[in-house]
Amino acid sequence: MNYFDLVSALEKNRLFVFSLRDVDNLFPEEKLKTVKNGLSRWTVSGRFRKIRRNLYEFVKPGTESDIPDLYVANKIYAPSYISLETALSVYDLIPDIAAQVTSMTTLTTRRFTNSHGSFIYRSCRKRVFTGYKLMRYEGCKILIADREKALADFVYFSIRRVESLNYDEERFNKMILKKLNWTKVLRYAGLFNEKTVRALKNLKSWGKC
C-alpha cells in the first residue's frame, strides 16, 4: 500500500474521515503494522491529520479542512447522533449556534477537543437512542436527531440542571414549534421520564401549539 493508492481508495469510498479499521478493510492484504507505520509517517509529513487515536482525515496540500464538524462528530465517538443544541440550531428551533457540537450516545459521557473544535457526547439508555436519521449536510451524510427527538433530548438534559425551563430565555422559535409533530415529541419524552413529558407539555402550551 502506498500513499496514492490509499488516497484513491479513500476518495472512491468517500471516507473523508477514516479509521485504522477502515484502511485495514480497504487493504486486507497489508499487515496491520505496515498500515500503522504508513499512517504515522504520512501524519508526521502533514498529508493526514490525526483527529484522535486511530482516526484521521485527509489533508489536501495547501488547503484548509472543509469537512463539516457534524460529520466529524459522528466519526469521533460511535454510536452517536447529532442532537441537543446543535440539532436545534440546524433546524432553527433556537437562534444560537452552539460553541461545541453536541451528540447523544449509548457510551459513557465524553468530551473531545481537536482541530475541528469541541465535541460533547451525552450518554443515554439504549431505549432512548432512537429518533435519528441520515441527512445530507454540507455535502456529507450525517446521523442527526429529527426535530422532535432533538427537542426531547434537549429538554430532558436541561431540566436535570434546573427545576424548570424558562422558555423565553431559551428563545425557542414559536413558528417552528407549531410545525412539530407533538405526538412524536411526547412519545420521545416518555422514553425518558414523566418529568420530561410534563416539561414538554408546558412548552407546547407556551408555544400555543
N, C-alpha and C. Protein backbone atom coordinates (compact mmCIF):
# COMPACT_ATOMS: atom_id res chain seq x y z
N MET A 1 0.85 -1.20 0.00
CA MET A 1 0.00 0.00 0.00
C MET A 1 0.88 1.24 0.00
N ASN A 2 0.71 2.09 -1.01
CA ASN A 2 1.42 3.37 -1.00
C ASN A 2 0.42 4.51 -0.77
N TYR A 3 0.95 5.70 -0.58
CA TYR A 3 0.12 6.85 -0.23
C TYR A 3 -0.95 7.13 -1.28
N PHE A 4 -0.57 7.10 -2.55
CA PHE A 4 -1.51 7.47 -3.61
C PHE A 4 -2.62 6.41 -3.77
N ASP A 5 -2.28 5.15 -3.56
CA ASP A 5 -3.31 4.11 -3.59
C ASP A 5 -4.32 4.31 -2.46
N LEU A 6 -3.80 4.68 -1.29
CA LEU A 6 -4.68 4.91 -0.14
C LEU A 6 -5.60 6.10 -0.38
N VAL A 7 -5.05 7.20 -0.86
CA VAL A 7 -5.87 8.39 -1.13
C VAL A 7 -6.94 8.08 -2.16
N SER A 8 -6.57 7.35 -3.21
CA SER A 8 -7.53 6.98 -4.25
C SER A 8 -8.68 6.15 -3.68
N ALA A 9 -8.34 5.19 -2.80
CA ALA A 9 -9.36 4.34 -2.19
C ALA A 9 -10.25 5.13 -1.25
N LEU A 10 -9.66 6.07 -0.49
CA LEU A 10 -10.44 6.89 0.44
C LEU A 10 -11.43 7.78 -0.33
N GLU A 11 -10.95 8.40 -1.42
CA GLU A 11 -11.82 9.27 -2.21
C GLU A 11 -12.93 8.48 -2.90
N LYS A 12 -12.59 7.30 -3.40
CA LYS A 12 -13.58 6.46 -4.06
C LYS A 12 -14.70 6.06 -3.11
N ASN A 13 -14.35 5.80 -1.86
CA ASN A 13 -15.33 5.37 -0.85
C ASN A 13 -15.86 6.53 -0.02
N ARG A 14 -15.48 7.76 -0.39
CA ARG A 14 -15.95 8.97 0.30
C ARG A 14 -15.70 8.90 1.80
N LEU A 15 -14.53 8.43 2.15
CA LEU A 15 -14.14 8.36 3.56
C LEU A 15 -13.35 9.63 3.89
N PHE A 16 -14.08 10.71 4.17
CA PHE A 16 -13.44 12.00 4.46
C PHE A 16 -12.68 11.93 5.78
N VAL A 17 -13.24 11.21 6.72
CA VAL A 17 -12.57 10.90 7.98
C VAL A 17 -12.53 9.38 8.06
N PHE A 18 -11.38 8.83 8.37
CA PHE A 18 -11.25 7.38 8.32
C PHE A 18 -10.49 6.84 9.52
N SER A 19 -10.74 5.60 9.82
CA SER A 19 -10.10 4.95 10.97
C SER A 19 -9.06 3.93 10.49
N LEU A 20 -8.28 3.47 11.43
CA LEU A 20 -7.32 2.41 11.13
C LEU A 20 -8.05 1.18 10.59
N ARG A 21 -9.23 0.90 11.15
CA ARG A 21 -10.02 -0.25 10.69
C ARG A 21 -10.48 -0.06 9.25
N ASP A 22 -10.84 1.18 8.88
CA ASP A 22 -11.26 1.45 7.50
C ASP A 22 -10.13 1.10 6.53
N VAL A 23 -8.92 1.52 6.86
CA VAL A 23 -7.78 1.24 5.99
C VAL A 23 -7.50 -0.25 5.93
N ASP A 24 -7.64 -0.91 7.06
CA ASP A 24 -7.43 -2.36 7.11
C ASP A 24 -8.44 -3.09 6.23
N ASN A 25 -9.68 -2.57 6.21
CA ASN A 25 -10.71 -3.18 5.36
C ASN A 25 -10.45 -2.91 3.87
N LEU A 26 -9.91 -1.73 3.56
CA LEU A 26 -9.62 -1.39 2.17
C LEU A 26 -8.43 -2.17 1.62
N PHE A 27 -7.48 -2.49 2.51
CA PHE A 27 -6.27 -3.19 2.09
C PHE A 27 -6.04 -4.40 3.01
N PRO A 28 -6.92 -5.40 2.92
CA PRO A 28 -6.83 -6.56 3.82
C PRO A 28 -5.56 -7.37 3.66
N GLU A 29 -4.89 -7.21 2.52
CA GLU A 29 -3.67 -7.99 2.29
C GLU A 29 -2.46 -7.39 3.02
N GLU A 30 -2.59 -6.14 3.47
CA GLU A 30 -1.48 -5.47 4.14
C GLU A 30 -1.42 -5.87 5.62
N LYS A 31 -0.22 -5.96 6.15
CA LYS A 31 -0.06 -6.23 7.56
C LYS A 31 -0.43 -4.99 8.37
N LEU A 32 -1.06 -5.20 9.52
CA LEU A 32 -1.53 -4.08 10.34
C LEU A 32 -0.37 -3.17 10.73
N LYS A 33 0.79 -3.75 11.02
CA LYS A 33 1.96 -2.95 11.40
C LYS A 33 2.38 -2.04 10.26
N THR A 34 2.31 -2.55 9.02
CA THR A 34 2.67 -1.75 7.85
C THR A 34 1.71 -0.57 7.69
N VAL A 35 0.41 -0.84 7.90
CA VAL A 35 -0.61 0.21 7.80
C VAL A 35 -0.36 1.29 8.85
N LYS A 36 -0.10 0.87 10.09
CA LYS A 36 0.15 1.82 11.18
C LYS A 36 1.38 2.67 10.90
N ASN A 37 2.44 2.04 10.43
CA ASN A 37 3.67 2.77 10.14
C ASN A 37 3.46 3.79 9.02
N GLY A 38 2.70 3.39 8.00
CA GLY A 38 2.42 4.31 6.90
C GLY A 38 1.61 5.51 7.36
N LEU A 39 0.57 5.26 8.13
CA LEU A 39 -0.27 6.36 8.63
C LEU A 39 0.53 7.30 9.53
N SER A 40 1.38 6.72 10.35
CA SER A 40 2.21 7.54 11.24
C SER A 40 3.16 8.42 10.43
N ARG A 41 3.75 7.86 9.42
CA ARG A 41 4.71 8.60 8.58
C ARG A 41 4.02 9.72 7.81
N TRP A 42 2.87 9.43 7.24
CA TRP A 42 2.15 10.43 6.45
C TRP A 42 1.48 11.49 7.33
N THR A 43 1.23 11.16 8.59
CA THR A 43 0.70 12.15 9.52
C THR A 43 1.79 13.14 9.91
N VAL A 44 2.97 12.63 10.17
CA VAL A 44 4.11 13.48 10.51
C VAL A 44 4.44 14.43 9.36
N SER A 45 4.31 13.94 8.12
CA SER A 45 4.62 14.77 6.95
C SER A 45 3.50 15.74 6.61
N GLY A 46 2.37 15.65 7.31
CA GLY A 46 1.27 16.60 7.09
C GLY A 46 0.27 16.19 6.04
N ARG A 47 0.39 14.98 5.51
CA ARG A 47 -0.55 14.54 4.48
C ARG A 47 -1.88 14.08 5.09
N PHE A 48 -1.83 13.62 6.33
CA PHE A 48 -3.03 13.28 7.08
C PHE A 48 -3.00 14.05 8.40
N ARG A 49 -4.15 14.31 8.95
CA ARG A 49 -4.25 14.94 10.26
C ARG A 49 -4.91 13.98 11.23
N LYS A 50 -4.30 13.78 12.38
CA LYS A 50 -4.85 12.88 13.38
C LYS A 50 -5.91 13.61 14.20
N ILE A 51 -7.13 13.06 14.23
CA ILE A 51 -8.22 13.66 14.98
C ILE A 51 -8.28 13.11 16.39
N ARG A 52 -8.13 11.82 16.52
CA ARG A 52 -7.98 11.16 17.81
C ARG A 52 -7.28 9.83 17.53
N ARG A 53 -7.10 9.03 18.55
CA ARG A 53 -6.36 7.78 18.36
C ARG A 53 -7.01 6.92 17.26
N ASN A 54 -6.20 6.54 16.28
CA ASN A 54 -6.62 5.69 15.16
C ASN A 54 -7.72 6.30 14.29
N LEU A 55 -7.85 7.64 14.32
CA LEU A 55 -8.83 8.33 13.48
C LEU A 55 -8.14 9.50 12.79
N TYR A 56 -8.31 9.58 11.45
CA TYR A 56 -7.55 10.55 10.66
C TYR A 56 -8.46 11.24 9.65
N GLU A 57 -7.92 12.35 9.10
CA GLU A 57 -8.58 12.98 7.96
C GLU A 57 -7.53 13.29 6.90
N PHE A 58 -7.95 13.26 5.65
CA PHE A 58 -7.06 13.55 4.54
C PHE A 58 -6.95 15.06 4.38
N VAL A 59 -5.75 15.56 4.26
CA VAL A 59 -5.50 16.98 4.13
C VAL A 59 -4.97 17.26 2.73
N LYS A 60 -5.74 17.99 1.93
CA LYS A 60 -5.25 18.35 0.60
C LYS A 60 -4.19 19.44 0.73
N PRO A 61 -3.06 19.25 0.07
CA PRO A 61 -1.95 20.21 0.18
C PRO A 61 -2.39 21.65 -0.11
N GLY A 62 -2.03 22.57 0.77
CA GLY A 62 -2.31 23.98 0.57
C GLY A 62 -3.73 24.40 0.85
N THR A 63 -4.55 23.52 1.44
CA THR A 63 -5.94 23.87 1.72
C THR A 63 -6.27 23.61 3.18
N GLU A 64 -7.30 24.31 3.65
CA GLU A 64 -7.82 24.06 4.98
C GLU A 64 -8.89 22.97 4.90
N SER A 65 -9.14 22.31 6.02
CA SER A 65 -10.15 21.25 6.02
C SER A 65 -11.53 21.83 5.76
N ASP A 66 -12.27 21.20 4.84
CA ASP A 66 -13.65 21.63 4.57
C ASP A 66 -14.64 20.55 5.01
N ILE A 67 -14.18 19.65 5.88
CA ILE A 67 -15.05 18.60 6.39
C ILE A 67 -15.94 19.18 7.48
N PRO A 68 -17.26 19.05 7.37
CA PRO A 68 -18.17 19.62 8.38
C PRO A 68 -17.94 19.02 9.76
N ASP A 69 -18.01 19.86 10.79
CA ASP A 69 -17.82 19.40 12.16
C ASP A 69 -18.84 18.33 12.54
N LEU A 70 -20.04 18.43 12.00
CA LEU A 70 -21.09 17.46 12.35
C LEU A 70 -20.75 16.07 11.81
N TYR A 71 -20.10 16.03 10.66
CA TYR A 71 -19.65 14.75 10.11
C TYR A 71 -18.54 14.17 10.99
N VAL A 72 -17.62 15.04 11.39
CA VAL A 72 -16.52 14.61 12.26
C VAL A 72 -17.08 14.06 13.58
N ALA A 73 -18.11 14.72 14.11
CA ALA A 73 -18.70 14.30 15.39
C ALA A 73 -19.21 12.86 15.33
N ASN A 74 -19.84 12.49 14.22
CA ASN A 74 -20.32 11.11 14.05
C ASN A 74 -19.19 10.10 14.10
N LYS A 75 -18.01 10.51 13.62
CA LYS A 75 -16.88 9.60 13.49
C LYS A 75 -16.06 9.47 14.77
N ILE A 76 -15.97 10.54 15.53
CA ILE A 76 -15.11 10.55 16.72
C ILE A 76 -15.52 9.52 17.76
N TYR A 77 -16.85 9.42 17.96
CA TYR A 77 -17.35 8.59 19.07
C TYR A 77 -18.62 7.91 18.58
N ALA A 78 -18.58 6.62 18.38
CA ALA A 78 -19.72 5.91 17.82
C ALA A 78 -20.07 4.70 18.68
N PRO A 79 -21.39 4.40 18.80
CA PRO A 79 -22.50 5.02 18.07
C PRO A 79 -22.90 6.36 18.68
N SER A 80 -23.25 7.28 17.81
CA SER A 80 -23.72 8.59 18.27
C SER A 80 -24.51 9.25 17.15
N TYR A 81 -25.32 10.22 17.51
CA TYR A 81 -26.02 11.05 16.51
C TYR A 81 -26.08 12.48 17.03
N ILE A 82 -26.07 13.45 16.12
CA ILE A 82 -26.14 14.86 16.46
C ILE A 82 -27.49 15.16 17.08
N SER A 83 -27.50 15.92 18.17
CA SER A 83 -28.77 16.26 18.82
C SER A 83 -28.58 17.50 19.69
N LEU A 84 -29.56 17.68 20.63
CA LEU A 84 -29.46 18.76 21.62
C LEU A 84 -29.29 20.12 20.95
N GLU A 85 -28.46 21.00 21.51
CA GLU A 85 -28.35 22.37 21.00
C GLU A 85 -27.94 22.42 19.53
N THR A 86 -27.03 21.55 19.13
CA THR A 86 -26.56 21.59 17.74
C THR A 86 -27.68 21.28 16.76
N ALA A 87 -28.44 20.23 17.02
CA ALA A 87 -29.55 19.87 16.12
C ALA A 87 -30.63 20.95 16.14
N LEU A 88 -30.94 21.49 17.32
CA LEU A 88 -31.95 22.55 17.40
C LEU A 88 -31.54 23.76 16.58
N SER A 89 -30.23 24.05 16.57
CA SER A 89 -29.72 25.17 15.77
C SER A 89 -29.83 24.87 14.28
N VAL A 90 -29.50 23.63 13.89
CA VAL A 90 -29.62 23.22 12.48
C VAL A 90 -31.04 23.40 11.98
N TYR A 91 -32.02 23.07 12.84
CA TYR A 91 -33.43 23.16 12.46
C TYR A 91 -34.04 24.53 12.74
N ASP A 92 -33.21 25.49 13.20
CA ASP A 92 -33.67 26.85 13.52
C ASP A 92 -34.70 26.89 14.64
N LEU A 93 -34.70 25.88 15.49
CA LEU A 93 -35.59 25.91 16.65
C LEU A 93 -35.07 26.86 17.72
N ILE A 94 -33.76 27.09 17.73
CA ILE A 94 -33.16 28.11 18.57
C ILE A 94 -32.24 28.95 17.69
N PRO A 95 -32.04 30.23 18.04
CA PRO A 95 -31.27 31.12 17.16
C PRO A 95 -29.77 30.99 17.31
N ASP A 96 -29.32 30.47 18.44
CA ASP A 96 -27.89 30.45 18.71
C ASP A 96 -27.19 29.27 18.02
N ILE A 97 -25.94 29.50 17.64
CA ILE A 97 -25.09 28.43 17.14
C ILE A 97 -24.20 27.99 18.29
N ALA A 98 -24.30 26.75 18.70
CA ALA A 98 -23.56 26.26 19.86
C ALA A 98 -22.06 26.32 19.61
N ALA A 99 -21.32 26.62 20.68
CA ALA A 99 -19.87 26.71 20.59
C ALA A 99 -19.24 25.33 20.39
N GLN A 100 -19.97 24.28 20.76
CA GLN A 100 -19.48 22.92 20.57
C GLN A 100 -20.56 22.08 19.89
N VAL A 101 -20.15 20.96 19.32
CA VAL A 101 -21.10 20.06 18.68
C VAL A 101 -21.59 19.06 19.73
N THR A 102 -22.91 18.95 19.86
CA THR A 102 -23.49 18.10 20.89
C THR A 102 -24.17 16.88 20.28
N SER A 103 -23.94 15.72 20.89
CA SER A 103 -24.46 14.46 20.37
C SER A 103 -24.99 13.59 21.50
N MET A 104 -25.74 12.58 21.12
CA MET A 104 -26.22 11.55 22.04
C MET A 104 -25.48 10.25 21.73
N THR A 105 -25.21 9.47 22.78
CA THR A 105 -24.53 8.20 22.61
C THR A 105 -24.99 7.21 23.68
N THR A 106 -24.81 5.93 23.41
CA THR A 106 -25.09 4.91 24.42
C THR A 106 -23.84 4.61 25.23
N LEU A 107 -22.73 5.24 24.85
CA LEU A 107 -21.47 5.05 25.57
C LEU A 107 -21.39 6.04 26.74
N THR A 108 -20.26 6.03 27.41
CA THR A 108 -20.04 6.95 28.53
C THR A 108 -20.01 8.39 28.04
N THR A 109 -20.51 9.31 28.84
CA THR A 109 -20.45 10.73 28.51
C THR A 109 -18.99 11.14 28.33
N ARG A 110 -18.70 11.84 27.22
CA ARG A 110 -17.32 12.23 26.93
C ARG A 110 -17.28 13.61 26.28
N ARG A 111 -16.11 14.21 26.34
CA ARG A 111 -15.83 15.47 25.65
C ARG A 111 -14.49 15.33 24.93
N PHE A 112 -14.45 15.79 23.67
CA PHE A 112 -13.21 15.75 22.90
C PHE A 112 -12.94 17.14 22.32
N THR A 113 -11.68 17.48 22.21
CA THR A 113 -11.28 18.73 21.57
C THR A 113 -10.17 18.42 20.58
N ASN A 114 -10.32 18.92 19.36
CA ASN A 114 -9.28 18.74 18.34
C ASN A 114 -9.29 19.94 17.41
N SER A 115 -8.64 19.81 16.27
CA SER A 115 -8.53 20.94 15.34
C SER A 115 -9.88 21.42 14.82
N HIS A 116 -10.90 20.59 14.91
CA HIS A 116 -12.23 20.97 14.43
C HIS A 116 -13.06 21.67 15.51
N GLY A 117 -12.64 21.61 16.75
CA GLY A 117 -13.37 22.26 17.84
C GLY A 117 -13.65 21.31 18.99
N SER A 118 -14.75 21.59 19.71
CA SER A 118 -15.12 20.80 20.87
C SER A 118 -16.35 19.95 20.56
N PHE A 119 -16.35 18.75 21.09
CA PHE A 119 -17.44 17.80 20.85
C PHE A 119 -17.88 17.19 22.18
N ILE A 120 -19.18 17.29 22.46
CA ILE A 120 -19.74 16.76 23.70
C ILE A 120 -20.71 15.64 23.38
N TYR A 121 -20.61 14.54 24.11
CA TYR A 121 -21.47 13.38 23.91
C TYR A 121 -22.19 13.07 25.23
N ARG A 122 -23.54 13.12 25.19
CA ARG A 122 -24.35 12.83 26.37
C ARG A 122 -24.80 11.38 26.33
N SER A 123 -24.59 10.70 27.42
CA SER A 123 -24.94 9.29 27.50
C SER A 123 -26.43 9.08 27.75
N CYS A 124 -27.01 8.09 27.11
CA CYS A 124 -28.42 7.76 27.32
C CYS A 124 -28.59 6.24 27.29
N ARG A 125 -29.73 5.79 27.80
CA ARG A 125 -30.03 4.36 27.75
C ARG A 125 -30.34 3.94 26.31
N LYS A 126 -30.17 2.65 26.04
CA LYS A 126 -30.34 2.16 24.67
C LYS A 126 -31.75 2.41 24.15
N ARG A 127 -32.76 2.32 25.01
CA ARG A 127 -34.13 2.51 24.52
C ARG A 127 -34.40 3.97 24.13
N VAL A 128 -33.56 4.88 24.63
CA VAL A 128 -33.69 6.30 24.29
C VAL A 128 -32.93 6.63 23.01
N PHE A 129 -32.01 5.76 22.63
CA PHE A 129 -31.17 6.01 21.46
C PHE A 129 -31.96 5.70 20.19
N THR A 130 -32.81 6.61 19.82
CA THR A 130 -33.71 6.43 18.67
C THR A 130 -34.12 7.81 18.16
N GLY A 131 -34.91 7.83 17.09
CA GLY A 131 -35.42 9.10 16.58
C GLY A 131 -34.39 9.90 15.79
N TYR A 132 -33.45 9.23 15.15
CA TYR A 132 -32.46 9.93 14.34
C TYR A 132 -32.53 9.43 12.89
N LYS A 133 -31.89 10.15 12.00
CA LYS A 133 -31.98 9.85 10.57
C LYS A 133 -30.67 10.20 9.89
N LEU A 134 -30.52 9.76 8.65
CA LEU A 134 -29.37 10.10 7.82
C LEU A 134 -29.76 11.32 6.98
N MET A 135 -28.95 12.38 7.08
CA MET A 135 -29.27 13.62 6.38
C MET A 135 -28.01 14.16 5.69
N ARG A 136 -28.19 14.73 4.52
CA ARG A 136 -27.05 15.34 3.84
C ARG A 136 -26.84 16.74 4.40
N TYR A 137 -25.61 17.00 4.81
CA TYR A 137 -25.27 18.28 5.43
C TYR A 137 -23.92 18.75 4.89
N GLU A 138 -23.93 19.88 4.20
CA GLU A 138 -22.71 20.45 3.62
C GLU A 138 -21.92 19.41 2.81
N GLY A 139 -22.65 18.62 2.03
CA GLY A 139 -22.01 17.65 1.14
C GLY A 139 -21.69 16.31 1.75
N CYS A 140 -21.96 16.14 3.03
CA CYS A 140 -21.68 14.87 3.71
C CYS A 140 -22.96 14.31 4.32
N LYS A 141 -22.99 13.00 4.50
CA LYS A 141 -24.12 12.37 5.16
C LYS A 141 -23.84 12.25 6.65
N ILE A 142 -24.79 12.72 7.46
CA ILE A 142 -24.62 12.69 8.91
C ILE A 142 -25.83 12.04 9.57
N LEU A 143 -25.60 11.48 10.75
CA LEU A 143 -26.70 10.98 11.57
C LEU A 143 -27.11 12.09 12.53
N ILE A 144 -28.37 12.47 12.46
CA ILE A 144 -28.86 13.58 13.28
C ILE A 144 -30.28 13.27 13.76
N ALA A 145 -30.59 13.71 14.97
CA ALA A 145 -31.95 13.52 15.51
C ALA A 145 -32.95 14.26 14.64
N ASP A 146 -34.16 13.72 14.51
CA ASP A 146 -35.20 14.51 13.85
C ASP A 146 -35.58 15.65 14.81
N ARG A 147 -36.36 16.59 14.34
CA ARG A 147 -36.64 17.79 15.13
C ARG A 147 -37.28 17.46 16.47
N GLU A 148 -38.22 16.53 16.43
CA GLU A 148 -38.95 16.18 17.65
C GLU A 148 -38.04 15.52 18.69
N LYS A 149 -37.16 14.64 18.24
CA LYS A 149 -36.27 13.95 19.18
C LYS A 149 -35.21 14.91 19.72
N ALA A 150 -34.70 15.79 18.88
CA ALA A 150 -33.71 16.77 19.34
C ALA A 150 -34.28 17.63 20.46
N LEU A 151 -35.55 18.01 20.31
CA LEU A 151 -36.20 18.82 21.34
C LEU A 151 -36.38 18.02 22.63
N ALA A 152 -36.82 16.78 22.53
CA ALA A 152 -36.99 15.93 23.72
C ALA A 152 -35.66 15.70 24.41
N ASP A 153 -34.61 15.43 23.64
CA ASP A 153 -33.28 15.24 24.23
C ASP A 153 -32.84 16.49 24.98
N PHE A 154 -33.03 17.64 24.34
CA PHE A 154 -32.60 18.91 24.93
C PHE A 154 -33.33 19.19 26.23
N VAL A 155 -34.63 19.03 26.22
CA VAL A 155 -35.42 19.34 27.43
C VAL A 155 -35.06 18.38 28.57
N TYR A 156 -34.87 17.10 28.25
CA TYR A 156 -34.52 16.13 29.29
C TYR A 156 -33.24 16.54 30.01
N PHE A 157 -32.20 16.86 29.27
CA PHE A 157 -30.93 17.21 29.91
C PHE A 157 -30.97 18.59 30.55
N SER A 158 -31.80 19.49 30.00
CA SER A 158 -31.91 20.83 30.58
C SER A 158 -32.56 20.80 31.96
N ILE A 159 -33.64 20.03 32.11
CA ILE A 159 -34.34 20.01 33.40
C ILE A 159 -33.63 19.15 34.44
N ARG A 160 -32.56 18.49 34.03
CA ARG A 160 -31.72 17.81 35.03
C ARG A 160 -30.86 18.83 35.77
N ARG A 161 -30.64 20.00 35.14
CA ARG A 161 -29.81 21.04 35.75
C ARG A 161 -30.62 22.07 36.51
N VAL A 162 -31.86 22.29 36.08
CA VAL A 162 -32.70 23.30 36.72
C VAL A 162 -34.07 22.70 37.02
N GLU A 163 -34.79 23.32 37.92
CA GLU A 163 -36.10 22.80 38.31
C GLU A 163 -37.11 22.92 37.18
N SER A 164 -37.06 24.04 36.46
CA SER A 164 -37.97 24.23 35.33
C SER A 164 -37.29 25.13 34.30
N LEU A 165 -37.73 25.03 33.06
CA LEU A 165 -37.14 25.82 31.98
C LEU A 165 -37.84 27.17 31.83
N ASN A 166 -37.05 28.19 31.53
CA ASN A 166 -37.61 29.49 31.17
C ASN A 166 -37.64 29.53 29.65
N TYR A 167 -38.80 29.32 29.08
CA TYR A 167 -38.90 29.18 27.63
C TYR A 167 -38.58 30.47 26.89
N ASP A 168 -38.82 31.62 27.53
CA ASP A 168 -38.47 32.90 26.90
C ASP A 168 -36.95 33.03 26.80
N GLU A 169 -36.23 32.64 27.85
CA GLU A 169 -34.78 32.73 27.83
C GLU A 169 -34.17 31.77 26.80
N GLU A 170 -34.79 30.63 26.62
CA GLU A 170 -34.29 29.67 25.63
C GLU A 170 -34.50 30.16 24.21
N ARG A 171 -35.43 31.10 24.04
CA ARG A 171 -35.72 31.73 22.74
C ARG A 171 -36.10 30.71 21.66
N PHE A 172 -37.00 29.81 22.03
CA PHE A 172 -37.50 28.85 21.05
C PHE A 172 -38.26 29.58 19.95
N ASN A 173 -38.14 29.10 18.73
CA ASN A 173 -38.86 29.66 17.58
C ASN A 173 -40.29 29.12 17.58
N LYS A 174 -41.24 29.96 17.94
CA LYS A 174 -42.62 29.50 18.08
C LYS A 174 -43.21 29.03 16.75
N MET A 175 -42.81 29.66 15.66
CA MET A 175 -43.36 29.26 14.35
C MET A 175 -42.98 27.81 14.03
N ILE A 176 -41.73 27.45 14.34
CA ILE A 176 -41.30 26.09 14.05
C ILE A 176 -41.86 25.11 15.08
N LEU A 177 -41.98 25.56 16.33
CA LEU A 177 -42.59 24.71 17.36
C LEU A 177 -43.99 24.25 16.92
N LYS A 178 -44.73 25.14 16.30
CA LYS A 178 -46.09 24.83 15.87
C LYS A 178 -46.13 23.82 14.72
N LYS A 179 -45.00 23.68 14.02
CA LYS A 179 -44.96 22.74 12.89
C LYS A 179 -44.53 21.34 13.31
N LEU A 180 -44.13 21.17 14.58
CA LEU A 180 -43.67 19.87 15.04
C LEU A 180 -44.82 18.89 15.18
N ASN A 181 -44.51 17.62 15.11
CA ASN A 181 -45.47 16.55 15.40
C ASN A 181 -45.40 16.32 16.90
N TRP A 182 -46.34 16.90 17.63
CA TRP A 182 -46.27 16.85 19.09
C TRP A 182 -46.60 15.47 19.65
N THR A 183 -47.27 14.66 18.88
CA THR A 183 -47.47 13.27 19.31
C THR A 183 -46.13 12.57 19.38
N LYS A 184 -45.28 12.81 18.39
CA LYS A 184 -43.93 12.24 18.40
C LYS A 184 -43.09 12.83 19.53
N VAL A 185 -43.18 14.15 19.72
CA VAL A 185 -42.40 14.80 20.78
C VAL A 185 -42.69 14.15 22.13
N LEU A 186 -43.98 13.99 22.44
CA LEU A 186 -44.36 13.44 23.74
C LEU A 186 -44.04 11.95 23.85
N ARG A 187 -44.11 11.25 22.72
CA ARG A 187 -43.73 9.84 22.74
C ARG A 187 -42.23 9.69 23.05
N TYR A 188 -41.43 10.54 22.42
CA TYR A 188 -39.99 10.52 22.72
C TYR A 188 -39.73 10.91 24.18
N ALA A 189 -40.47 11.90 24.66
CA ALA A 189 -40.30 12.35 26.04
C ALA A 189 -40.59 11.22 27.01
N GLY A 190 -41.59 10.39 26.68
CA GLY A 190 -41.95 9.28 27.53
C GLY A 190 -40.86 8.23 27.67
N LEU A 191 -39.93 8.22 26.72
CA LEU A 191 -38.80 7.29 26.82
C LEU A 191 -37.86 7.69 27.96
N PHE A 192 -37.90 8.97 28.33
CA PHE A 192 -37.07 9.47 29.43
C PHE A 192 -37.78 9.29 30.77
N ASN A 193 -38.72 10.18 31.06
CA ASN A 193 -39.47 10.10 32.31
C ASN A 193 -40.66 11.06 32.27
N GLU A 194 -41.49 10.98 33.29
CA GLU A 194 -42.71 11.79 33.33
C GLU A 194 -42.39 13.28 33.47
N LYS A 195 -41.29 13.60 34.14
CA LYS A 195 -40.90 15.00 34.30
C LYS A 195 -40.63 15.64 32.94
N THR A 196 -40.00 14.89 32.05
CA THR A 196 -39.73 15.40 30.70
C THR A 196 -41.02 15.58 29.92
N VAL A 197 -41.96 14.66 30.09
CA VAL A 197 -43.27 14.77 29.44
C VAL A 197 -43.97 16.05 29.90
N ARG A 198 -43.98 16.30 31.21
CA ARG A 198 -44.64 17.50 31.75
C ARG A 198 -43.99 18.77 31.22
N ALA A 199 -42.66 18.77 31.17
CA ALA A 199 -41.94 19.96 30.70
C ALA A 199 -42.28 20.26 29.24
N LEU A 200 -42.39 19.22 28.43
CA LEU A 200 -42.70 19.43 27.02
C LEU A 200 -44.17 19.80 26.80
N LYS A 201 -45.05 19.30 27.66
CA LYS A 201 -46.44 19.74 27.59
C LYS A 201 -46.54 21.23 27.92
N ASN A 202 -45.76 21.66 28.89
CA ASN A 202 -45.74 23.07 29.24
C ASN A 202 -45.18 23.92 28.09
N LEU A 203 -44.15 23.39 27.42
CA LEU A 203 -43.59 24.09 26.27
C LEU A 203 -44.62 24.17 25.15
N LYS A 204 -45.37 23.11 24.95
CA LYS A 204 -46.42 23.09 23.92
C LYS A 204 -47.47 24.17 24.20
N SER A 205 -47.83 24.30 25.46
CA SER A 205 -48.81 25.33 25.85
C SER A 205 -48.21 26.72 25.67
N TRP A 206 -46.96 26.88 26.08
CA TRP A 206 -46.28 28.18 25.94
C TRP A 206 -46.23 28.61 24.48
N GLY A 207 -45.96 27.66 23.60
CA GLY A 207 -45.87 27.97 22.18
C GLY A 207 -47.21 28.04 21.48
N LYS A 208 -48.29 27.73 22.21
CA LYS A 208 -49.65 27.71 21.65
C LYS A 208 -49.72 26.79 20.42
N CYS A 209 -49.17 25.60 20.62
CA CYS A 209 -49.09 24.64 19.51
C CYS A 209 -50.34 23.76 19.45
